[in-house]
Amino acid sequence: LPLIVVPSPALLEVLVWVLWLVEYSKIWVPVVIGVAVGALALRNHRRSEKEKAAWQHYQDAYLRINGLHSRIYPGAAEGLQALADLGLPLAFLTNKPLGFARPLLTSKGLVGFFSHVFGGDSFVRKKPDPLPLIETCRALGTAPARTLMIGDSSNDAAAARAAGCPVVLMTYGYNHGEPVQGVDADGLADALTE
């Protein structure tokens, strides 16, 4: 949720926990840190029962600390309030699993701004595929060409372009460690209040 919430040391806390679990259970689980969604994902095409249990333990541990070490980006809440005051329908779309995204938005007092919240597991494909954005537009009752995607990464821009949405990228947040200034977008903003 980098558009609104600063990625946090919580990932390190969970990583340490998972590494302990892996050592304790003597199993090997590949670890991938996905800063874009503020989540750590353990992936393996053929998971053993121990690996499935480790993944469930990770999810439980992450949910317990989800948002504890995060802060809202300056201007994000004010920007959302300004958009809401204009009567614009707002939806939240992230690749982070919905089971982590909604509680994080709730804990930060932001969930009320959005009529819909969708996670990476809400649809059969994730961004940069356009499907999640097209389905989000459908839920909002808006045409993609009349729906502004505000994001912070090349994945957001690619999804918007493929879906036919205009896109503005925030200059902070996540973009695979690269600046967004080189990404094909209709505009850039330093704060959601711009």
C-alpha atoms as a PDB file:
ATOM      1  CA  LEU A   1       0.000   0.000   0.000  1.00  0.00           C
ATOM      2  CA  PRO A   2       2.811   2.394  -0.761  1.00  0.00           C
ATOM      3  CA  LEU A   3       0.514   5.047  -2.203  1.00  0.00           C
ATOM      4  CA  ILE A   4      -0.776   5.794   1.272  1.00  0.00           C
ATOM      5  CA  VAL A   5       1.254   3.889   3.868  1.00  0.00           C
ATOM      6  CA  VAL A   6       5.030   3.938   4.212  1.00  0.00           C
ATOM      7  CA  PRO A   7       6.581   0.425   4.016  1.00  0.00           C
ATOM      8  CA  SER A   8       7.867  -0.521   7.416  1.00  0.00           C
ATOM      9  CA  PRO A   9      10.274  -2.493   9.582  1.00  0.00           C
ATOM     10  CA  ALA A  10       7.394  -4.926  10.114  1.00  0.00           C
ATOM     11  CA  LEU A  11       8.710  -6.861   7.131  1.00  0.00           C
ATOM     12  CA  LEU A  12      11.983  -7.417   8.929  1.00  0.00           C
ATOM     13  CA  GLU A  13      10.146  -8.562  12.028  1.00  0.00           C
ATOM     14  CA  VAL A  14       8.185 -11.110  10.007  1.00  0.00           C
ATOM     15  CA  LEU A  15      11.279 -12.151   8.040  1.00  0.00           C
ATOM     16  CA  VAL A  16      13.146 -12.903  11.260  1.00  0.00           C
ATOM     17  CA  TRP A  17      10.150 -14.888  12.495  1.00  0.00           C
ATOM     18  CA  VAL A  18       9.909 -16.862   9.254  1.00  0.00           C
ATOM     19  CA  LEU A  19      13.639 -17.586   9.185  1.00  0.00           C
ATOM     20  CA  TRP A  20      13.379 -18.862  12.751  1.00  0.00           C
ATOM     21  CA  LEU A  21      10.437 -21.034  11.738  1.00  0.00           C
ATOM     22  CA  VAL A  22      12.338 -22.386   8.741  1.00  0.00           C
ATOM     23  CA  GLU A  23      15.342 -23.218  10.920  1.00  0.00           C
ATOM     24  CA  TYR A  24      13.126 -24.667  13.636  1.00  0.00           C
ATOM     25  CA  SER A  25      11.141 -26.850  11.270  1.00  0.00           C
ATOM     26  CA  LYS A  26      14.187 -27.727   9.128  1.00  0.00           C
ATOM     27  CA  ILE A  27      12.421 -26.925   5.893  1.00  0.00           C
ATOM     28  CA  TRP A  28      13.544 -24.720   3.040  1.00  0.00           C
ATOM     29  CA  VAL A  29      11.041 -22.105   1.935  1.00  0.00           C
ATOM     30  CA  PRO A  30      12.113 -19.594  -0.722  1.00  0.00           C
ATOM     31  CA  VAL A  31      11.591 -16.063   0.579  1.00  0.00           C
ATOM     32  CA  VAL A  32      10.693 -13.129  -1.612  1.00  0.00           C
ATOM     33  CA  ILE A  33      10.226  -9.677  -0.111  1.00  0.00           C
ATOM     34  CA  GLY A  34       7.506  -7.787  -1.966  1.00  0.00           C
ATOM     35  CA  VAL A  35       7.888  -4.218  -0.800  1.00  0.00           C
ATOM     36  CA  ALA A  36       5.305  -3.023  -3.335  1.00  0.00           C
ATOM     37  CA  VAL A  37       2.520  -4.593  -1.390  1.00  0.00           C
ATOM     38  CA  GLY A  38       4.165  -4.319   1.936  1.00  0.00           C
ATOM     39  CA  ALA A  39       4.135  -8.073   2.276  1.00  0.00           C
ATOM     40  CA  LEU A  40       6.550 -10.926   2.368  1.00  0.00           C
ATOM     41  CA  ALA A  41       5.466 -13.825   0.192  1.00  0.00           C
ATOM     42  CA  LEU A  42       6.670 -17.358   0.501  1.00  0.00           C
ATOM     43  CA  ARG A  43       6.347 -19.114  -2.827  1.00  0.00           C
ATOM     44  CA  ASN A  44       6.800 -22.672  -3.859  1.00  0.00           C
ATOM     45  CA  HIS A  45       4.975 -24.480  -6.653  1.00  0.00           C
ATOM     46  CA  ARG A  46       4.798 -27.740  -4.748  1.00  0.00           C
ATOM     47  CA  ARG A  47       4.406 -27.073  -1.069  1.00  0.00           C
ATOM     48  CA  SER A  48       4.752 -29.814   1.479  1.00  0.00           C
ATOM     49  CA  GLU A  49       2.462 -29.848   4.499  1.00  0.00           C
ATOM     50  CA  LYS A  50       5.257 -28.263   6.560  1.00  0.00           C
ATOM     51  CA  GLU A  51       5.674 -25.521   3.974  1.00  0.00           C
ATOM     52  CA  LYS A  52       1.925 -24.873   3.928  1.00  0.00           C
ATOM     53  CA  ALA A  53       1.974 -24.674   7.717  1.00  0.00           C
ATOM     54  CA  ALA A  54       4.936 -22.270   7.598  1.00  0.00           C
ATOM     55  CA  TRP A  55       3.054 -20.075   5.116  1.00  0.00           C
ATOM     56  CA  GLN A  56      -0.016 -20.040   7.372  1.00  0.00           C
ATOM     57  CA  HIS A  57       2.151 -19.166  10.382  1.00  0.00           C
ATOM     58  CA  TYR A  58       3.706 -16.332   8.380  1.00  0.00           C
ATOM     59  CA  GLN A  59       0.283 -14.975   7.436  1.00  0.00           C
ATOM     60  CA  ASP A  60      -0.882 -15.137  11.057  1.00  0.00           C
ATOM     61  CA  ALA A  61       2.293 -13.394  12.270  1.00  0.00           C
ATOM     62  CA  TYR A  62       2.108 -10.700   9.600  1.00  0.00           C
ATOM     63  CA  LEU A  63      -1.549  -9.998  10.358  1.00  0.00           C
ATOM     64  CA  ARG A  64      -0.705  -9.495  14.046  1.00  0.00           C
ATOM     65  CA  ILE A  65       1.844  -6.756  13.252  1.00  0.00           C
ATOM     66  CA  ASN A  66       0.263  -5.426  10.050  1.00  0.00           C
ATOM     67  CA  GLY A  67       0.523  -1.644  10.199  1.00  0.00           C
ATOM     68  CA  LEU A  68       2.099  -1.393  13.648  1.00  0.00           C
ATOM     69  CA  HIS A  69       5.310   0.063  12.212  1.00  0.00           C
ATOM     70  CA  SER A  70       3.740   1.937   9.283  1.00  0.00           C
ATOM     71  CA  ARG A  71       2.804   5.562   8.944  1.00  0.00           C
ATOM     72  CA  ILE A  72       0.582   7.347   6.467  1.00  0.00           C
ATOM     73  CA  TYR A  73       2.419   9.419   3.875  1.00  0.00           C
ATOM     74  CA  PRO A  74       2.103  13.174   4.491  1.00  0.00           C
ATOM     75  CA  GLY A  75      -0.914  14.613   2.697  1.00  0.00           C
ATOM     76  CA  ALA A  76      -2.481  11.219   1.923  1.00  0.00           C
ATOM     77  CA  ALA A  77      -5.418  11.461   4.331  1.00  0.00           C
ATOM     78  CA  GLU A  78      -6.010  15.099   3.405  1.00  0.00           C
ATOM     79  CA  GLY A  79      -5.922  14.263  -0.291  1.00  0.00           C
ATOM     80  CA  LEU A  80      -8.398  11.427   0.158  1.00  0.00           C
ATOM     81  CA  GLN A  81     -10.670  13.737   2.149  1.00  0.00           C
ATOM     82  CA  ALA A  82     -10.521  16.369  -0.609  1.00  0.00           C
ATOM     83  CA  LEU A  83     -11.447  13.763  -3.235  1.00  0.00           C
ATOM     84  CA  ALA A  84     -14.287  12.474  -1.051  1.00  0.00           C
ATOM     85  CA  ASP A  85     -15.517  16.052  -0.496  1.00  0.00           C
ATOM     86  CA  LEU A  86     -15.824  16.384  -4.270  1.00  0.00           C
ATOM     87  CA  GLY A  87     -18.165  13.379  -4.227  1.00  0.00           C
ATOM     88  CA  LEU A  88     -15.827  11.229  -6.307  1.00  0.00           C
ATOM     89  CA  PRO A  89     -16.253   7.476  -5.910  1.00  0.00           C
ATOM     90  CA  LEU A  90     -13.004   5.956  -4.673  1.00  0.00           C
ATOM     91  CA  ALA A  91     -11.751   2.388  -4.761  1.00  0.00           C
ATOM     92  CA  PHE A  92      -8.534   0.905  -3.440  1.00  0.00           C
ATOM     93  CA  LEU A  93      -6.687  -1.651  -5.567  1.00  0.00           C
ATOM     94  CA  THR A  94      -3.458  -3.298  -4.464  1.00  0.00           C
ATOM     95  CA  ASN A  95      -1.523  -6.472  -5.199  1.00  0.00           C
ATOM     96  CA  LYS A  96      -1.278  -7.024  -1.432  1.00  0.00           C
ATOM     97  CA  PRO A  97      -3.628  -9.829  -0.303  1.00  0.00           C
ATOM     98  CA  LEU A  98      -7.028  -8.446   0.680  1.00  0.00           C
ATOM     99  CA  GLY A  99      -6.708 -10.087   4.099  1.00  0.00           C
ATOM    100  CA  PHE A 100      -3.766  -7.764   4.812  1.00  0.00           C
ATOM    101  CA  ALA A 101      -4.873  -4.685   2.847  1.00  0.00           C
ATOM    102  CA  ARG A 102      -8.278  -4.111   4.442  1.00  0.00           C
ATOM    103  CA  PRO A 103      -7.042  -4.423   8.068  1.00  0.00           C
ATOM    104  CA  LEU A 104      -4.163  -2.049   7.289  1.00  0.00           C
ATOM    105  CA  LEU A 105      -6.505   0.557   5.813  1.00  0.00           C
ATOM    106  CA  THR A 106      -8.824   0.096   8.785  1.00  0.00           C
ATOM    107  CA  SER A 107      -6.044   0.485  11.360  1.00  0.00           C
ATOM    108  CA  LYS A 108      -4.898   3.709   9.691  1.00  0.00           C
ATOM    109  CA  GLY A 109      -8.435   5.122   9.567  1.00  0.00           C
ATOM    110  CA  LEU A 110      -8.530   5.154   5.765  1.00  0.00           C
ATOM    111  CA  VAL A 111     -10.924   2.352   4.812  1.00  0.00           C
ATOM    112  CA  GLY A 112     -13.956   4.644   5.052  1.00  0.00           C
ATOM    113  CA  PHE A 113     -12.776   6.682   2.071  1.00  0.00           C
ATOM    114  CA  PHE A 114     -13.244   3.734  -0.284  1.00  0.00           C
ATOM    115  CA  SER A 115     -16.490   2.210  -1.513  1.00  0.00           C
ATOM    116  CA  HIS A 116     -14.512  -0.840  -2.670  1.00  0.00           C
ATOM    117  CA  VAL A 117     -11.229  -2.423  -1.535  1.00  0.00           C
ATOM    118  CA  PHE A 118      -9.614  -5.062  -3.730  1.00  0.00           C
ATOM    119  CA  GLY A 119      -6.475  -7.089  -3.095  1.00  0.00           C
ATOM    120  CA  GLY A 120      -4.144  -9.134  -5.229  1.00  0.00           C
ATOM    121  CA  ASP A 121      -6.277 -12.180  -4.530  1.00  0.00           C
ATOM    122  CA  SER A 122      -9.580 -10.513  -5.449  1.00  0.00           C
ATOM    123  CA  PHE A 123      -9.202 -11.327  -9.143  1.00  0.00           C
ATOM    124  CA  VAL A 124      -7.636 -14.135 -11.164  1.00  0.00           C
ATOM    125  CA  ARG A 125      -4.755 -11.873 -12.238  1.00  0.00           C
ATOM    126  CA  LYS A 126      -2.819  -9.034 -10.589  1.00  0.00           C
ATOM    127  CA  LYS A 127      -1.476  -5.730 -11.853  1.00  0.00           C
ATOM    128  CA  PRO A 128       0.202  -5.044 -14.285  1.00  0.00           C
ATOM    129  CA  ASP A 129      -2.534  -7.062 -15.993  1.00  0.00           C
ATOM    130  CA  PRO A 130      -5.444  -4.696 -16.734  1.00  0.00           C
ATOM    131  CA  LEU A 131      -8.115  -7.085 -15.416  1.00  0.00           C
ATOM    132  CA  PRO A 132      -8.089  -5.851 -11.781  1.00  0.00           C
ATOM    133  CA  LEU A 133      -8.385  -2.235 -12.898  1.00  0.00           C
ATOM    134  CA  ILE A 134     -11.153  -3.025 -15.402  1.00  0.00           C
ATOM    135  CA  GLU A 135     -13.082  -4.906 -12.690  1.00  0.00           C
ATOM    136  CA  THR A 136     -12.514  -2.046 -10.234  1.00  0.00           C
ATOM    137  CA  CYS A 137     -13.973   0.390 -12.780  1.00  0.00           C
ATOM    138  CA  ARG A 138     -16.933  -1.949 -13.221  1.00  0.00           C
ATOM    139  CA  ALA A 139     -17.489  -2.011  -9.435  1.00  0.00           C
ATOM    140  CA  LEU A 140     -17.381   1.799  -9.368  1.00  0.00           C
ATOM    141  CA  GLY A 141     -19.763   2.001 -12.309  1.00  0.00           C
ATOM    142  CA  THR A 142     -17.285   4.100 -14.287  1.00  0.00           C
ATOM    143  CA  ALA A 143     -15.723   3.768 -17.709  1.00  0.00           C
ATOM    144  CA  PRO A 144     -11.950   3.200 -17.652  1.00  0.00           C
ATOM    145  CA  ALA A 145     -11.348   6.264 -19.856  1.00  0.00           C
ATOM    146  CA  ARG A 146     -13.093   8.375 -17.194  1.00  0.00           C
ATOM    147  CA  THR A 147     -11.392   6.753 -14.197  1.00  0.00           C
ATOM    148  CA  LEU A 148      -8.105   8.147 -12.920  1.00  0.00           C
ATOM    149  CA  MET A 149      -5.643   5.557 -11.621  1.00  0.00           C
ATOM    150  CA  ILE A 150      -3.383   7.033  -8.951  1.00  0.00           C
ATOM    151  CA  GLY A 151      -0.455   4.731  -8.339  1.00  0.00           C
ATOM    152  CA  ASP A 152       3.227   4.619  -7.549  1.00  0.00           C
ATOM    153  CA  SER A 153       4.795   2.045  -9.855  1.00  0.00           C
ATOM    154  CA  SER A 154       5.339   0.918 -13.399  1.00  0.00           C
ATOM    155  CA  ASN A 155       2.896  -1.935 -12.651  1.00  0.00           C
ATOM    156  CA  ASP A 156       0.184   0.624 -11.885  1.00  0.00           C
ATOM    157  CA  ALA A 157       0.967   2.582 -15.052  1.00  0.00           C
ATOM    158  CA  ALA A 158       1.026  -0.541 -17.233  1.00  0.00           C
ATOM    159  CA  ALA A 159      -2.310  -1.722 -15.826  1.00  0.00           C
ATOM    160  CA  ALA A 160      -3.827   1.722 -16.382  1.00  0.00           C
ATOM    161  CA  ARG A 161      -2.544   1.995 -19.951  1.00  0.00           C
ATOM    162  CA  ALA A 162      -3.787  -1.490 -20.842  1.00  0.00           C
ATOM    163  CA  ALA A 163      -7.179  -0.814 -19.218  1.00  0.00           C
ATOM    164  CA  GLY A 164      -7.526   2.566 -20.947  1.00  0.00           C
ATOM    165  CA  CYS A 165      -7.349   4.662 -17.764  1.00  0.00           C
ATOM    166  CA  PRO A 166      -5.423   7.905 -17.383  1.00  0.00           C
ATOM    167  CA  VAL A 167      -2.734   7.514 -14.722  1.00  0.00           C
ATOM    168  CA  VAL A 168      -0.901   9.784 -12.291  1.00  0.00           C
ATOM    169  CA  LEU A 169       2.019   8.355 -10.342  1.00  0.00           C
ATOM    170  CA  MET A 170       3.162   9.472  -6.921  1.00  0.00           C
ATOM    171  CA  THR A 171       6.874  10.223  -6.753  1.00  0.00           C
ATOM    172  CA  TYR A 172       7.158   8.356  -3.457  1.00  0.00           C
ATOM    173  CA  GLY A 173       6.353   4.754  -2.668  1.00  0.00           C
ATOM    174  CA  TYR A 174       7.304   1.644  -4.530  1.00  0.00           C
ATOM    175  CA  ASN A 175       8.538   1.243  -8.064  1.00  0.00           C
ATOM    176  CA  HIS A 176      10.865  -1.743  -7.891  1.00  0.00           C
ATOM    177  CA  GLY A 177      13.504   0.594  -6.416  1.00  0.00           C
ATOM    178  CA  GLU A 178      13.487   2.805  -9.520  1.00  0.00           C
ATOM    179  CA  PRO A 179      12.281   6.414  -9.836  1.00  0.00           C
ATOM    180  CA  VAL A 180       8.857   6.782 -11.460  1.00  0.00           C
ATOM    181  CA  GLN A 181       9.948   9.772 -13.512  1.00  0.00           C
ATOM    182  CA  GLY A 182      10.849   7.474 -16.406  1.00  0.00           C
ATOM    183  CA  VAL A 183       7.520   5.609 -16.395  1.00  0.00           C
ATOM    184  CA  ASP A 184       4.865   6.359 -19.034  1.00  0.00           C
ATOM    185  CA  ALA A 185       2.230   8.273 -17.046  1.00  0.00           C
ATOM    186  CA  ASP A 186      -0.035  11.263 -17.628  1.00  0.00           C
ATOM    187  CA  GLY A 187       1.389  13.068 -14.643  1.00  0.00           C
ATOM    188  CA  LEU A 188       3.453  12.890 -11.485  1.00  0.00           C
ATOM    189  CA  ALA A 189       2.620  14.212  -8.017  1.00  0.00           C
ATOM    190  CA  ASP A 190       4.686  14.646  -4.880  1.00  0.00           C
ATOM    191  CA  ALA A 191       1.608  14.590  -2.608  1.00  0.00           C
ATOM    192  CA  LEU A 192      -1.986  13.454  -2.903  1.00  0.00           C
ATOM    193  CA  THR A 193      -3.039  17.012  -2.089  1.00  0.00           C
ATOM    194  CA  GLU A 194      -1.659  18.288  -5.435  1.00  0.00           C
END
